[in-house]
Amino acid sequence: MARYIIVYLGGDQPATPEEGKRHFSKYKEWLNSLGDAIISPANPFKDTQTVKPDGSASAGSSTAMSGYTIIKAESLDKAVAIAKECPFLDINGTLEVSELVEM
C-alpha cells in the first residue's frame, strides 16, 4: 500500500481556549478513526527558519505550511477521501495530499 502525506496549510487560530479544545477533540477523533492507515499522525511545525540559496537564513516560513500527517492508502483517490474528512478544513485550512516516493 502506498504512503501519502497530508500537508496542512493556513487555517484560523481558535478564538478561545475552549474552541481550541473542541477542535483538537474533533481532530483526535478523526485520527483515531483512521486506524491502521495512520503512519505518522499530527506533526506540527515550530520555530521555522527559511534558508535561501545564498545560505542566508531568516525566521519564519515562506509558505503557510503548518504541519503534516502521513497515512497509507490504496490510491491517491482514497487518500484524498481521507483528507476530505479532516477537521482542519473546518477552521478554513487547506490540505495538500501527495504520494510519497521511496528513493
C-alpha atoms as a PDB file:
ATOM      1  CA  MET A   1       0.000   0.000   0.000  1.00  0.00           C
ATOM      2  CA  ALA A   2       1.327   3.445  -0.899  1.00  0.00           C
ATOM      3  CA  ARG A   3       2.161   6.149   1.629  1.00  0.00           C
ATOM      4  CA  TYR A   4       0.699   9.651   1.343  1.00  0.00           C
ATOM      5  CA  ILE A   5       1.469  12.910   3.084  1.00  0.00           C
ATOM      6  CA  ILE A   6      -1.302  15.304   4.039  1.00  0.00           C
ATOM      7  CA  VAL A   7       0.148  18.794   4.422  1.00  0.00           C
ATOM      8  CA  TYR A   8      -1.692  21.411   6.488  1.00  0.00           C
ATOM      9  CA  LEU A   9      -1.761  24.960   5.077  1.00  0.00           C
ATOM     10  CA  GLY A  10      -3.177  28.066   6.741  1.00  0.00           C
ATOM     11  CA  GLY A  11      -6.166  27.711   8.992  1.00  0.00           C
ATOM     12  CA  ASP A  12      -7.670  30.023  11.599  1.00  0.00           C
ATOM     13  CA  GLN A  13      -6.446  30.058  15.178  1.00  0.00           C
ATOM     14  CA  PRO A  14      -9.109  29.262  17.791  1.00  0.00           C
ATOM     15  CA  ALA A  15     -10.743  32.366  19.277  1.00  0.00           C
ATOM     16  CA  THR A  16     -10.822  30.870  22.789  1.00  0.00           C
ATOM     17  CA  PRO A  17      -9.110  28.017  24.648  1.00  0.00           C
ATOM     18  CA  GLU A  18     -12.452  26.196  24.739  1.00  0.00           C
ATOM     19  CA  GLU A  19     -12.779  26.448  20.961  1.00  0.00           C
ATOM     20  CA  GLY A  20      -9.243  25.088  20.640  1.00  0.00           C
ATOM     21  CA  LYS A  21     -10.094  22.126  22.868  1.00  0.00           C
ATOM     22  CA  ARG A  22     -13.239  21.339  20.852  1.00  0.00           C
ATOM     23  CA  HIS A  23     -11.310  21.453  17.581  1.00  0.00           C
ATOM     24  CA  PHE A  24      -8.467  19.314  18.938  1.00  0.00           C
ATOM     25  CA  SER A  25     -11.009  16.778  20.199  1.00  0.00           C
ATOM     26  CA  LYS A  26     -12.521  16.512  16.697  1.00  0.00           C
ATOM     27  CA  TYR A  27      -9.019  16.197  15.232  1.00  0.00           C
ATOM     28  CA  LYS A  28      -8.130  13.343  17.625  1.00  0.00           C
ATOM     29  CA  GLU A  29     -11.398  11.579  16.750  1.00  0.00           C
ATOM     30  CA  TRP A  30     -10.558  11.848  13.046  1.00  0.00           C
ATOM     31  CA  LEU A  31      -7.062  10.454  13.590  1.00  0.00           C
ATOM     32  CA  ASN A  32      -8.414   7.591  15.716  1.00  0.00           C
ATOM     33  CA  SER A  33     -10.986   6.776  13.026  1.00  0.00           C
ATOM     34  CA  LEU A  34      -8.166   6.124  10.550  1.00  0.00           C
ATOM     35  CA  GLY A  35      -6.921   3.095  12.494  1.00  0.00           C
ATOM     36  CA  ASP A  36      -4.064   1.283  10.732  1.00  0.00           C
ATOM     37  CA  ALA A  37      -3.979   3.846   7.912  1.00  0.00           C
ATOM     38  CA  ILE A  38      -2.056   6.243  10.179  1.00  0.00           C
ATOM     39  CA  ILE A  39       1.720   6.050   9.884  1.00  0.00           C
ATOM     40  CA  SER A  40       2.726   9.382  11.441  1.00  0.00           C
ATOM     41  CA  PRO A  41      -0.107  11.495  12.867  1.00  0.00           C
ATOM     42  CA  ALA A  42      -0.147  15.146  13.902  1.00  0.00           C
ATOM     43  CA  ASN A  43       3.290  16.588  13.155  1.00  0.00           C
ATOM     44  CA  PRO A  44       3.019  20.365  13.686  1.00  0.00           C
ATOM     45  CA  PHE A  45       5.895  22.692  12.807  1.00  0.00           C
ATOM     46  CA  LYS A  46       7.515  25.095  15.288  1.00  0.00           C
ATOM     47  CA  ASP A  47      10.234  27.746  15.022  1.00  0.00           C
ATOM     48  CA  THR A  48      10.622  27.565  11.249  1.00  0.00           C
ATOM     49  CA  GLN A  49      13.690  29.036   9.536  1.00  0.00           C
ATOM     50  CA  THR A  50      13.848  29.707   5.808  1.00  0.00           C
ATOM     51  CA  VAL A  51      17.245  29.041   4.199  1.00  0.00           C
ATOM     52  CA  LYS A  52      17.870  30.770   0.865  1.00  0.00           C
ATOM     53  CA  PRO A  53      20.185  29.716  -1.983  1.00  0.00           C
ATOM     54  CA  ASP A  54      22.795  32.260  -0.849  1.00  0.00           C
ATOM     55  CA  GLY A  55      22.972  30.486   2.526  1.00  0.00           C
ATOM     56  CA  SER A  56      21.201  33.209   4.489  1.00  0.00           C
ATOM     57  CA  ALA A  57      18.515  32.150   6.951  1.00  0.00           C
ATOM     58  CA  SER A  58      15.595  34.086   8.366  1.00  0.00           C
ATOM     59  CA  ALA A  59      12.905  33.379  10.928  1.00  0.00           C
ATOM     60  CA  GLY A  60       9.547  32.283   9.611  1.00  0.00           C
ATOM     61  CA  SER A  61       8.208  30.285   6.707  1.00  0.00           C
ATOM     62  CA  SER A  62       7.892  31.245   3.073  1.00  0.00           C
ATOM     63  CA  THR A  63       4.670  29.165   2.912  1.00  0.00           C
ATOM     64  CA  ALA A  64       1.570  28.723   5.052  1.00  0.00           C
ATOM     65  CA  MET A  65       2.563  25.102   5.813  1.00  0.00           C
ATOM     66  CA  SER A  66       1.995  24.311   9.486  1.00  0.00           C
ATOM     67  CA  GLY A  67       2.405  20.527   9.720  1.00  0.00           C
ATOM     68  CA  TYR A  68       1.676  17.140   8.190  1.00  0.00           C
ATOM     69  CA  THR A  69       0.274  13.647   8.675  1.00  0.00           C
ATOM     70  CA  ILE A  70       1.456  10.520   6.861  1.00  0.00           C
ATOM     71  CA  ILE A  71      -1.066   7.807   6.007  1.00  0.00           C
ATOM     72  CA  LYS A  72      -1.220   4.685   3.885  1.00  0.00           C
ATOM     73  CA  ALA A  73      -3.981   4.168   1.345  1.00  0.00           C
ATOM     74  CA  GLU A  74      -4.767   2.040  -1.711  1.00  0.00           C
ATOM     75  CA  SER A  75      -4.752   5.043  -4.071  1.00  0.00           C
ATOM     76  CA  LEU A  76      -4.465   8.811  -4.275  1.00  0.00           C
ATOM     77  CA  ASP A  77      -8.259   8.993  -4.570  1.00  0.00           C
ATOM     78  CA  LYS A  78      -8.633   7.095  -1.274  1.00  0.00           C
ATOM     79  CA  ALA A  79      -6.045   9.346   0.393  1.00  0.00           C
ATOM     80  CA  VAL A  80      -7.933  12.432  -0.824  1.00  0.00           C
ATOM     81  CA  ALA A  81     -11.185  10.957   0.527  1.00  0.00           C
ATOM     82  CA  ILE A  82      -9.494  10.565   3.927  1.00  0.00           C
ATOM     83  CA  ALA A  83      -8.250  14.166   3.796  1.00  0.00           C
ATOM     84  CA  LYS A  84     -11.730  15.445   2.961  1.00  0.00           C
ATOM     85  CA  GLU A  85     -12.877  14.249   6.407  1.00  0.00           C
ATOM     86  CA  CYS A  86     -10.133  16.135   8.288  1.00  0.00           C
ATOM     87  CA  PRO A  87     -11.456  18.757  10.745  1.00  0.00           C
ATOM     88  CA  PHE A  88      -8.627  21.095   9.708  1.00  0.00           C
ATOM     89  CA  LEU A  89     -10.944  22.068   6.863  1.00  0.00           C
ATOM     90  CA  ASP A  90     -13.467  23.295   9.477  1.00  0.00           C
ATOM     91  CA  ILE A  91     -11.051  26.071  10.518  1.00  0.00           C
ATOM     92  CA  ASN A  92     -10.550  27.302   6.946  1.00  0.00           C
ATOM     93  CA  GLY A  93      -7.348  25.349   6.463  1.00  0.00           C
ATOM     94  CA  THR A  94      -6.297  23.813   3.170  1.00  0.00           C
ATOM     95  CA  LEU A  95      -4.840  20.342   2.719  1.00  0.00           C
ATOM     96  CA  GLU A  96      -2.456  19.066   0.053  1.00  0.00           C
ATOM     97  CA  VAL A  97      -2.210  15.317  -0.480  1.00  0.00           C
ATOM     98  CA  SER A  98       0.818  13.790  -2.219  1.00  0.00           C
ATOM     99  CA  GLU A  99       2.097  10.278  -2.680  1.00  0.00           C
ATOM    100  CA  LEU A 100       5.471   9.725  -1.031  1.00  0.00           C
ATOM    101  CA  VAL A 101       8.051   8.170  -3.331  1.00  0.00           C
ATOM    102  CA  GLU A 102      10.632   5.829  -1.838  1.00  0.00           C
ATOM    103  CA  MET A 103      14.113   6.515  -3.108  1.00  0.00           C
END
